Amino acid sequence: MSDHHVRTLRPDEHRAAWNLFRAALHVPPGSDEEWDRAAAVYADGHILGVFGPDLIGTARSFDAEMTVAGGAKVRLAAVTGIGVQAGRTRRGVLTTLQATQLADFAERGVVAALLHATEGAIYGRYGYGIGTFAQNVVVDRHRARLRPEVPSGGEVTVHDLDQASPRWPELHTATGSSRPAAMTRPTSYWGAQENSLRRISKLILTAVHRGADGDDGYLVYHVERGTGEPAKLHVLAFEYTNAAAFAGLWRFLLSVDLVDEIHLLARPLDEPTPLLFTDPRTAKIESVDDESWLRLVDVPAALAARSYRPAGPVVIEVRDRTLPANDGRYRIAPGGARPTDEEPALRLEADTLAMLYFGAWRASALADAGRIEVLDPAAPAAADLLFSTPESAWNGTFF
């Protein structure tokens, strides 16, 4: 029998949950100034606590909308702030949190949940699967030469953190990604964002690109310089609406003096950075990592919301151990998806369906790895086409 219980936290307990989460990440308790910014995030969220008898675990989520293939938006729960007190891990605390949280999502009509995982072996057992990938890119500033046909771009202005942070919400709204897996950001998100950036550097700058129709791109960056080490410009956010803004911001990055390397964090896999340069090897992909983990809370609604590429129809049978209401068969076709009684061509678990949903993984690869049971040999190839997307899915919001 469990010696702990879970409930929604009261507002006067939020700071304790925040500090418990920080401790789980080996970060010391936050200052009053940091809490003043973080408090709005907690007030705007759904915060759970596990007690045994004191607070020993916590998880938080906030509501947003997520874009799916075809451009529709679905209700999203962005999951974060998950932490279990040292000495109380591996005793079912996280399982209790996850079961309670997912049941709440289902009751509230949430279609999907998304998180960024600190470890890769944890969340699959709760129905999450890798939904998007991102790449880290390094550009050698001294070797970088733009090709002559790269657009010239517009005017770029630079602002410090105090000037720029009030403008981030409007800049993101104007320039944010419309790729599958992109999400909206509530007003309360930005205080936590400012907190994390202030911990990174004392000099965070924002460069805003202005084109013919107004502001159409921006990036957030800081420069790290150490004795005997290459000076690195770290790009922490980079958003744009058109090729001219993309190129204009790159022209700005290459103009920053006393910099040896430009590091871009968690960029879309198909972003054409190497194609800007006379030598594409100027831009090196340092790593490709899982970016966001997806959980389909309402499988029928999620499958019905997205579009599918031309291919023959495929019937899938889904098993969801945590949310059995999702169990069933679904016919996927270019015209849409719906529940069906037809015989299945593929059988898979909820976490595997999450991996397939944005096209981050091909059905044929998942089948080869034993993640999908194949009942019709032609079905994996058809599912590869159905679930593919014209551009790679990318979340682009760290929370």
Protein backbone atom coordinates (compact mmCIF):
# COMPACT_ATOMS: atom_id res chain seq x y z
CA MET A 1 0.00 0.00 0.00
CA SER A 2 1.33 3.47 -0.93
CA ASP A 3 2.46 5.74 1.90
CA HIS A 4 1.82 8.90 -0.14
CA HIS A 5 -1.13 10.79 -1.65
CA VAL A 6 -1.48 13.36 -4.42
CA ARG A 7 -3.54 16.53 -4.64
CA THR A 8 -3.65 19.93 -6.32
CA LEU A 9 -1.45 22.40 -4.48
CA ARG A 10 -2.68 25.56 -2.83
CA PRO A 11 -1.14 28.89 -3.91
CA ASP A 12 0.80 29.13 -0.64
CA GLU A 13 2.50 25.80 -1.56
CA HIS A 14 3.63 26.80 -5.03
CA ARG A 15 7.01 28.16 -4.03
CA ALA A 16 7.87 24.95 -2.18
CA ALA A 17 7.02 22.99 -5.33
CA TRP A 18 9.18 25.33 -7.41
CA ASN A 19 12.14 24.83 -5.10
CA LEU A 20 11.61 21.05 -5.02
CA PHE A 21 11.77 21.00 -8.81
CA ARG A 22 14.92 23.12 -8.79
CA ALA A 23 16.52 20.76 -6.26
CA ALA A 24 15.72 17.79 -8.52
CA LEU A 25 17.78 19.56 -11.21
CA HIS A 26 20.57 20.30 -8.68
CA VAL A 27 19.75 24.03 -8.73
CA PRO A 28 19.66 25.94 -5.41
CA PRO A 29 16.46 27.60 -4.14
CA GLY A 30 15.46 30.69 -6.08
CA SER A 31 15.69 34.27 -4.85
CA ASP A 32 12.69 36.45 -4.04
CA GLU A 33 13.24 38.33 -7.32
CA GLU A 34 13.22 35.11 -9.32
CA TRP A 35 10.12 33.91 -7.54
CA ASP A 36 8.33 37.16 -8.31
CA ARG A 37 8.69 36.28 -12.01
CA ALA A 38 8.04 32.55 -11.60
CA ALA A 39 4.99 32.99 -9.37
CA ALA A 40 2.83 34.05 -12.32
CA VAL A 41 3.74 30.85 -14.15
CA TYR A 42 2.65 28.75 -11.21
CA ALA A 43 -0.51 30.77 -10.66
CA ASP A 44 -1.46 30.18 -14.31
CA GLY A 45 -0.82 26.43 -14.22
CA HIS A 46 -2.09 23.18 -12.81
CA ILE A 47 0.29 22.11 -10.02
CA LEU A 48 0.16 18.70 -8.38
CA GLY A 49 1.99 17.64 -5.24
CA VAL A 50 2.65 14.24 -3.71
CA PHE A 51 2.82 14.13 0.07
CA GLY A 52 4.30 11.49 2.32
CA PRO A 53 3.57 13.27 4.68
CA ASP A 54 5.58 16.33 3.53
CA LEU A 55 5.83 17.43 -0.10
CA ILE A 56 8.01 14.83 -1.86
CA GLY A 57 7.07 15.23 -5.52
CA THR A 58 5.50 17.71 -7.89
CA ALA A 59 4.44 18.19 -11.50
CA ARG A 60 3.09 21.21 -13.31
CA SER A 61 1.39 21.93 -16.60
CA PHE A 62 0.02 24.95 -18.40
CA ASP A 63 -2.57 25.16 -21.14
CA ALA A 64 -1.70 26.12 -24.70
CA GLU A 65 -2.53 25.20 -28.28
CA MET A 66 -0.40 23.09 -30.60
CA THR A 67 -0.29 23.14 -34.39
CA VAL A 68 -0.70 19.78 -36.13
CA ALA A 69 -0.02 18.75 -39.73
CA GLY A 70 -2.35 20.71 -42.00
CA GLY A 71 -2.38 23.81 -39.77
CA ALA A 72 -5.18 23.00 -37.30
CA LYS A 73 -4.61 23.64 -33.59
CA VAL A 74 -5.51 21.32 -30.72
CA ARG A 75 -5.70 21.79 -26.95
CA LEU A 76 -2.30 21.13 -25.42
CA ALA A 77 -1.03 20.61 -21.90
CA ALA A 78 2.63 21.63 -21.64
CA VAL A 79 4.10 19.47 -18.88
CA THR A 80 7.05 20.67 -16.84
CA GLY A 81 8.26 21.18 -13.28
CA ILE A 82 8.44 17.43 -12.59
CA GLY A 83 10.59 16.60 -9.60
CA VAL A 84 10.83 14.00 -6.85
CA GLN A 85 12.71 14.62 -3.62
CA ALA A 86 16.09 12.92 -3.29
CA GLY A 87 15.71 9.71 -1.31
CA ARG A 88 12.08 9.26 -2.43
CA THR A 89 12.70 8.33 -6.06
CA ARG A 90 11.78 4.91 -7.49
CA ARG A 91 8.95 4.46 -4.99
CA GLY A 92 6.00 5.14 -7.29
CA VAL A 93 5.86 8.90 -6.73
CA LEU A 94 6.28 9.78 -10.41
CA THR A 95 3.82 7.06 -11.46
CA THR A 96 1.23 8.53 -9.09
CA LEU A 97 1.83 12.01 -10.50
CA GLN A 98 1.59 10.84 -14.10
CA ALA A 99 -1.61 8.84 -13.59
CA THR A 100 -3.30 11.76 -11.80
CA GLN A 101 -2.12 14.31 -14.34
CA LEU A 102 -3.19 12.30 -17.40
CA ALA A 103 -6.60 11.59 -15.88
CA ASP A 104 -7.03 15.34 -15.31
CA PHE A 105 -6.03 16.10 -18.92
CA ALA A 106 -8.57 13.61 -20.24
CA GLU A 107 -11.32 14.99 -18.02
CA ARG A 108 -10.60 18.56 -19.16
CA GLY A 109 -10.69 17.71 -22.86
CA VAL A 110 -6.98 18.12 -23.53
CA VAL A 111 -6.04 16.47 -26.83
CA ALA A 112 -2.27 16.18 -26.39
CA ALA A 113 0.47 16.71 -23.82
CA LEU A 114 4.06 17.69 -24.51
CA LEU A 115 7.21 17.69 -22.38
CA HIS A 116 10.99 18.03 -22.66
CA ALA A 117 12.56 15.01 -21.00
CA THR A 118 15.68 15.25 -18.85
CA GLU A 119 16.16 11.49 -19.26
CA GLY A 120 15.14 9.31 -22.18
CA ALA A 121 14.10 6.14 -20.32
CA ILE A 122 11.35 7.60 -18.12
CA TYR A 123 8.28 8.75 -20.01
CA GLY A 124 7.65 5.99 -22.55
CA ARG A 125 5.93 3.92 -19.89
CA TYR A 126 3.38 6.71 -19.48
CA GLY A 127 2.52 6.85 -23.19
CA TYR A 128 4.95 9.59 -24.26
CA GLY A 129 7.07 9.12 -27.36
CA ILE A 130 9.69 11.25 -29.09
CA GLY A 131 7.61 13.61 -31.22
CA THR A 132 10.25 15.98 -32.61
CA PHE A 133 14.00 16.20 -33.06
CA ALA A 134 16.25 19.26 -33.16
CA GLN A 135 19.85 19.88 -34.09
CA ASN A 136 22.63 21.93 -32.53
CA VAL A 137 24.70 23.77 -35.12
CA VAL A 138 28.09 25.52 -34.89
CA VAL A 139 29.28 28.03 -37.49
CA ASP A 140 32.92 29.04 -37.82
CA ARG A 141 32.56 32.81 -38.05
CA HIS A 142 36.04 33.35 -39.51
CA ARG A 143 35.42 30.95 -42.42
CA ALA A 144 31.79 31.88 -43.05
CA ARG A 145 31.17 33.63 -46.38
CA LEU A 146 27.62 34.16 -47.57
CA ARG A 147 26.80 33.15 -51.11
CA PRO A 148 26.15 36.16 -53.39
CA GLU A 149 22.50 35.25 -53.99
CA VAL A 150 21.61 35.25 -50.27
CA PRO A 151 19.01 38.02 -49.68
CA SER A 152 20.38 41.26 -48.24
CA GLY A 153 17.76 41.56 -45.51
CA GLY A 154 16.61 44.69 -43.71
CA GLU A 155 17.63 46.74 -40.68
CA VAL A 156 18.60 45.09 -37.39
CA THR A 157 18.44 46.82 -34.00
CA VAL A 158 19.84 45.41 -30.74
CA HIS A 159 18.19 45.72 -27.30
CA ASP A 160 19.30 44.68 -23.83
CA LEU A 161 17.23 42.35 -21.68
CA ASP A 162 15.29 45.04 -19.83
CA GLN A 163 14.33 46.71 -23.12
CA ALA A 164 13.58 43.51 -25.02
CA SER A 165 11.79 41.22 -22.58
CA PRO A 166 8.50 43.22 -22.60
CA ARG A 167 8.53 42.90 -26.42
CA TRP A 168 9.17 39.14 -26.61
CA PRO A 169 5.48 38.15 -26.57
CA GLU A 170 4.57 40.42 -29.51
CA LEU A 171 7.71 39.43 -31.43
CA HIS A 172 6.95 35.74 -30.96
CA THR A 173 3.33 36.20 -32.02
CA ALA A 174 4.47 38.01 -35.17
CA THR A 175 7.30 35.66 -36.13
CA GLY A 176 6.76 32.30 -34.39
CA SER A 177 6.87 28.98 -36.21
CA SER A 178 3.81 27.44 -37.87
CA ARG A 179 5.44 24.03 -38.20
CA PRO A 180 3.72 20.92 -36.82
CA ALA A 181 4.32 20.73 -33.04
CA ALA A 182 4.70 24.53 -32.68
CA MET A 183 2.75 25.86 -29.70
CA THR A 184 1.32 29.05 -28.34
CA ARG A 185 2.90 30.65 -25.28
CA PRO A 186 0.70 32.07 -22.51
CA THR A 187 1.56 35.45 -21.03
CA SER A 188 2.88 33.81 -17.86
CA TYR A 189 5.48 31.84 -19.87
CA TRP A 190 7.70 34.84 -20.35
CA GLY A 191 8.60 35.41 -16.70
CA ALA A 192 10.06 31.92 -16.43
CA GLN A 193 11.89 32.49 -19.71
CA GLU A 194 13.45 35.67 -18.36
CA ASN A 195 14.48 33.85 -15.17
CA SER A 196 16.32 31.13 -17.07
CA LEU A 197 18.08 33.58 -19.35
CA ARG A 198 19.24 35.75 -16.45
CA ARG A 199 20.83 32.64 -14.93
CA ILE A 200 22.75 32.00 -18.16
CA SER A 201 24.39 35.41 -18.57
CA LYS A 202 24.41 38.97 -17.26
CA LEU A 203 24.30 40.29 -20.83
CA ILE A 204 21.44 38.81 -22.84
CA LEU A 205 20.75 40.73 -26.06
CA THR A 206 17.90 40.66 -28.56
CA ALA A 207 18.40 41.56 -32.23
CA VAL A 208 15.21 42.50 -34.10
CA HIS A 209 15.01 42.42 -37.90
CA ARG A 210 12.74 44.93 -39.63
CA GLY A 211 11.64 44.33 -43.21
CA ALA A 212 9.43 46.25 -45.60
CA ASP A 213 6.28 45.29 -43.65
CA GLY A 214 7.64 45.73 -40.13
CA ASP A 215 9.35 43.46 -37.62
CA ASP A 216 9.64 40.01 -39.19
CA GLY A 217 12.36 38.24 -37.22
CA TYR A 218 14.40 38.32 -34.04
CA LEU A 219 17.03 36.40 -32.16
CA VAL A 220 18.15 36.27 -28.54
CA TYR A 221 21.83 35.70 -27.83
CA HIS A 222 24.78 36.14 -25.53
CA VAL A 223 28.55 35.96 -25.98
CA GLU A 224 30.78 33.74 -23.88
CA ARG A 225 34.46 34.66 -23.75
CA GLY A 226 37.10 32.87 -21.71
CA THR A 227 40.86 33.08 -21.51
CA GLY A 228 42.44 30.77 -24.07
CA GLU A 229 39.07 29.56 -25.36
CA PRO A 230 37.23 30.46 -28.57
CA ALA A 231 34.71 33.26 -28.07
CA LYS A 232 31.25 31.77 -28.61
CA LEU A 233 28.04 33.56 -29.55
CA HIS A 234 25.13 31.44 -28.32
CA VAL A 235 21.82 31.89 -30.15
CA LEU A 236 19.04 30.99 -27.69
CA ALA A 237 16.05 31.96 -29.84
CA PHE A 238 15.81 32.57 -33.59
CA GLU A 239 12.44 33.24 -35.23
CA TYR A 240 11.57 34.68 -38.62
CA THR A 241 8.73 34.82 -41.11
CA ASN A 242 10.59 34.90 -44.43
CA ALA A 243 13.90 34.22 -46.18
CA ALA A 244 14.96 37.88 -46.09
CA ALA A 245 14.62 38.04 -42.30
CA PHE A 246 16.49 34.74 -41.93
CA ALA A 247 19.33 36.02 -44.10
CA GLY A 248 19.31 39.48 -42.53
CA LEU A 249 19.70 38.06 -39.05
CA TRP A 250 22.53 35.85 -40.27
CA ARG A 251 24.28 38.88 -41.75
CA PHE A 252 23.99 40.49 -38.34
CA LEU A 253 25.40 37.42 -36.53
CA LEU A 254 28.41 37.35 -38.83
CA SER A 255 29.03 41.06 -38.15
CA VAL A 256 29.40 40.70 -34.37
CA ASP A 257 33.04 41.37 -33.50
CA LEU A 258 35.28 39.41 -31.14
CA VAL A 259 33.43 36.15 -31.86
CA ASP A 260 34.99 32.92 -33.16
CA GLU A 261 32.03 30.52 -33.21
CA ILE A 262 28.26 30.91 -33.51
CA HIS A 263 26.31 28.21 -31.66
CA LEU A 264 22.64 27.62 -32.47
CA LEU A 265 20.61 25.58 -30.01
CA ALA A 266 17.83 23.13 -30.94
CA ARG A 267 17.09 24.17 -34.52
CA PRO A 268 14.73 22.46 -37.02
CA LEU A 269 16.32 19.56 -38.90
CA ASP A 270 15.59 21.07 -42.31
CA GLU A 271 16.61 24.67 -41.58
CA PRO A 272 18.88 25.62 -44.51
CA THR A 273 21.75 27.22 -42.56
CA PRO A 274 24.59 25.40 -44.41
CA LEU A 275 23.14 26.51 -47.77
CA LEU A 276 23.82 30.16 -46.92
CA PHE A 277 27.59 29.73 -47.13
CA THR A 278 30.03 29.31 -50.00
CA ASP A 279 31.41 26.34 -48.05
CA PRO A 280 28.48 24.42 -46.50
CA ARG A 281 30.91 22.76 -44.08
CA THR A 282 31.26 26.12 -42.36
CA ALA A 283 28.09 25.08 -40.51
CA LYS A 284 28.62 21.84 -38.63
CA ILE A 285 25.85 19.82 -37.00
CA GLU A 286 27.17 19.06 -33.53
CA SER A 287 24.32 16.79 -32.50
CA VAL A 288 20.75 15.77 -33.26
CA ASP A 289 18.71 15.21 -30.12
CA ASP A 290 15.15 14.43 -29.13
CA GLU A 291 13.45 17.78 -28.65
CA SER A 292 9.90 17.20 -27.41
CA TRP A 293 8.02 14.14 -26.19
CA LEU A 294 4.38 13.85 -27.22
CA ARG A 295 1.49 12.16 -25.45
CA LEU A 296 -1.83 11.77 -27.29
CA VAL A 297 -4.42 12.15 -24.55
CA ASP A 298 -7.45 11.93 -26.86
CA VAL A 299 -6.36 9.63 -29.70
CA PRO A 300 -9.56 9.93 -31.82
CA ALA A 301 -9.47 13.75 -31.64
CA ALA A 302 -5.73 13.93 -32.33
CA LEU A 303 -5.91 11.64 -35.36
CA ALA A 304 -8.94 13.51 -36.73
CA ALA A 305 -7.30 16.93 -36.30
CA ARG A 306 -4.26 16.46 -38.56
CA SER A 307 -4.05 16.06 -42.32
CA TYR A 308 -2.48 13.11 -44.13
CA ARG A 309 -0.44 12.80 -47.33
CA PRO A 310 -1.69 10.87 -50.38
CA ALA A 311 -1.42 7.08 -49.91
CA GLY A 312 -3.64 4.08 -49.55
CA PRO A 313 -5.71 3.84 -46.33
CA VAL A 314 -4.30 2.01 -43.31
CA VAL A 315 -6.22 0.67 -40.29
CA ILE A 316 -4.26 0.84 -37.05
CA GLU A 317 -5.13 -0.76 -33.72
CA VAL A 318 -4.02 1.23 -30.69
CA ARG A 319 -3.53 0.02 -27.13
CA ASP A 320 -3.23 2.58 -24.33
CA ARG A 321 -2.39 1.08 -20.94
CA THR A 322 -2.94 4.32 -18.98
CA LEU A 323 -5.94 5.77 -20.84
CA PRO A 324 -7.92 2.74 -22.09
CA ALA A 325 -10.60 4.99 -23.62
CA ASN A 326 -8.12 5.38 -26.49
CA ASP A 327 -8.06 1.65 -27.21
CA GLY A 328 -9.51 0.90 -30.62
CA ARG A 329 -9.08 0.75 -34.35
CA TYR A 330 -8.70 3.81 -36.55
CA ARG A 331 -8.82 4.11 -40.32
CA ILE A 332 -6.19 6.57 -41.58
CA ALA A 333 -6.61 7.93 -45.12
CA PRO A 334 -5.79 11.13 -47.05
CA GLY A 335 -9.31 12.34 -46.34
CA GLY A 336 -8.92 12.01 -42.57
CA ALA A 337 -9.02 9.55 -39.70
CA ARG A 338 -11.95 7.92 -37.92
CA PRO A 339 -12.72 4.98 -35.61
CA THR A 340 -13.59 1.76 -37.43
CA ASP A 341 -14.43 -1.91 -36.93
CA GLU A 342 -12.31 -2.97 -39.88
CA GLU A 343 -9.51 -5.47 -39.40
CA PRO A 344 -6.22 -3.78 -38.47
CA ALA A 345 -3.13 -3.68 -40.67
CA LEU A 346 -0.86 -2.41 -37.86
CA ARG A 347 -0.94 -2.78 -34.06
CA LEU A 348 0.89 -0.37 -31.78
CA GLU A 349 1.02 1.13 -28.28
CA ALA A 350 0.16 4.74 -27.44
CA ASP A 351 3.81 5.80 -27.08
CA THR A 352 4.62 4.44 -30.55
CA LEU A 353 1.66 6.26 -32.08
CA ALA A 354 3.03 9.47 -30.53
CA MET A 355 6.36 8.81 -32.30
CA LEU A 356 4.52 8.36 -35.60
CA TYR A 357 2.11 11.30 -35.24
CA PHE A 358 4.39 14.12 -36.47
CA GLY A 359 6.40 11.97 -38.84
CA ALA A 360 9.53 12.08 -36.67
CA TRP A 361 9.76 8.31 -37.15
CA ARG A 362 8.65 6.25 -40.13
CA ALA A 363 6.21 3.41 -39.52
CA SER A 364 8.50 1.05 -41.43
CA ALA A 365 11.42 1.88 -39.10
CA LEU A 366 9.24 1.43 -36.03
CA ALA A 367 8.09 -1.91 -37.40
CA ASP A 368 11.68 -2.99 -38.07
CA ALA A 369 12.51 -2.15 -34.44
CA GLY A 370 9.59 -4.26 -33.18
CA ARG A 371 7.57 -1.25 -32.05
CA ILE A 372 4.72 -1.99 -34.50
CA GLU A 373 3.12 -5.37 -35.15
CA VAL A 374 2.62 -5.71 -38.91
CA LEU A 375 -0.47 -7.63 -40.04
CA ASP A 376 -0.43 -6.38 -43.64
CA PRO A 377 3.06 -6.21 -45.22
CA ALA A 378 2.05 -3.28 -47.43
CA ALA A 379 0.82 -1.14 -44.51
CA PRO A 380 4.13 0.27 -43.15
CA ALA A 381 5.07 1.85 -46.50
CA ALA A 382 1.59 3.38 -46.83
CA ALA A 383 1.75 4.69 -43.25
CA ASP A 384 5.19 6.21 -43.99
CA LEU A 385 3.55 8.38 -46.64
CA LEU A 386 0.33 9.13 -44.75
CA PHE A 387 2.08 10.48 -41.63
CA SER A 388 4.87 12.36 -43.41
CA THR A 389 4.92 16.18 -43.36
CA PRO A 390 6.22 18.69 -45.98
CA GLU A 391 8.56 20.27 -43.40
CA SER A 392 10.01 18.72 -40.30
CA ALA A 393 8.01 19.07 -37.14
CA TRP A 394 9.60 21.28 -34.49
CA ASN A 395 8.35 22.56 -31.18
CA GLY A 396 10.76 25.46 -30.67
CA THR A 397 9.55 26.32 -27.16
CA PHE A 398 11.50 25.17 -24.14
CA PHE A 399 9.49 25.03 -20.93
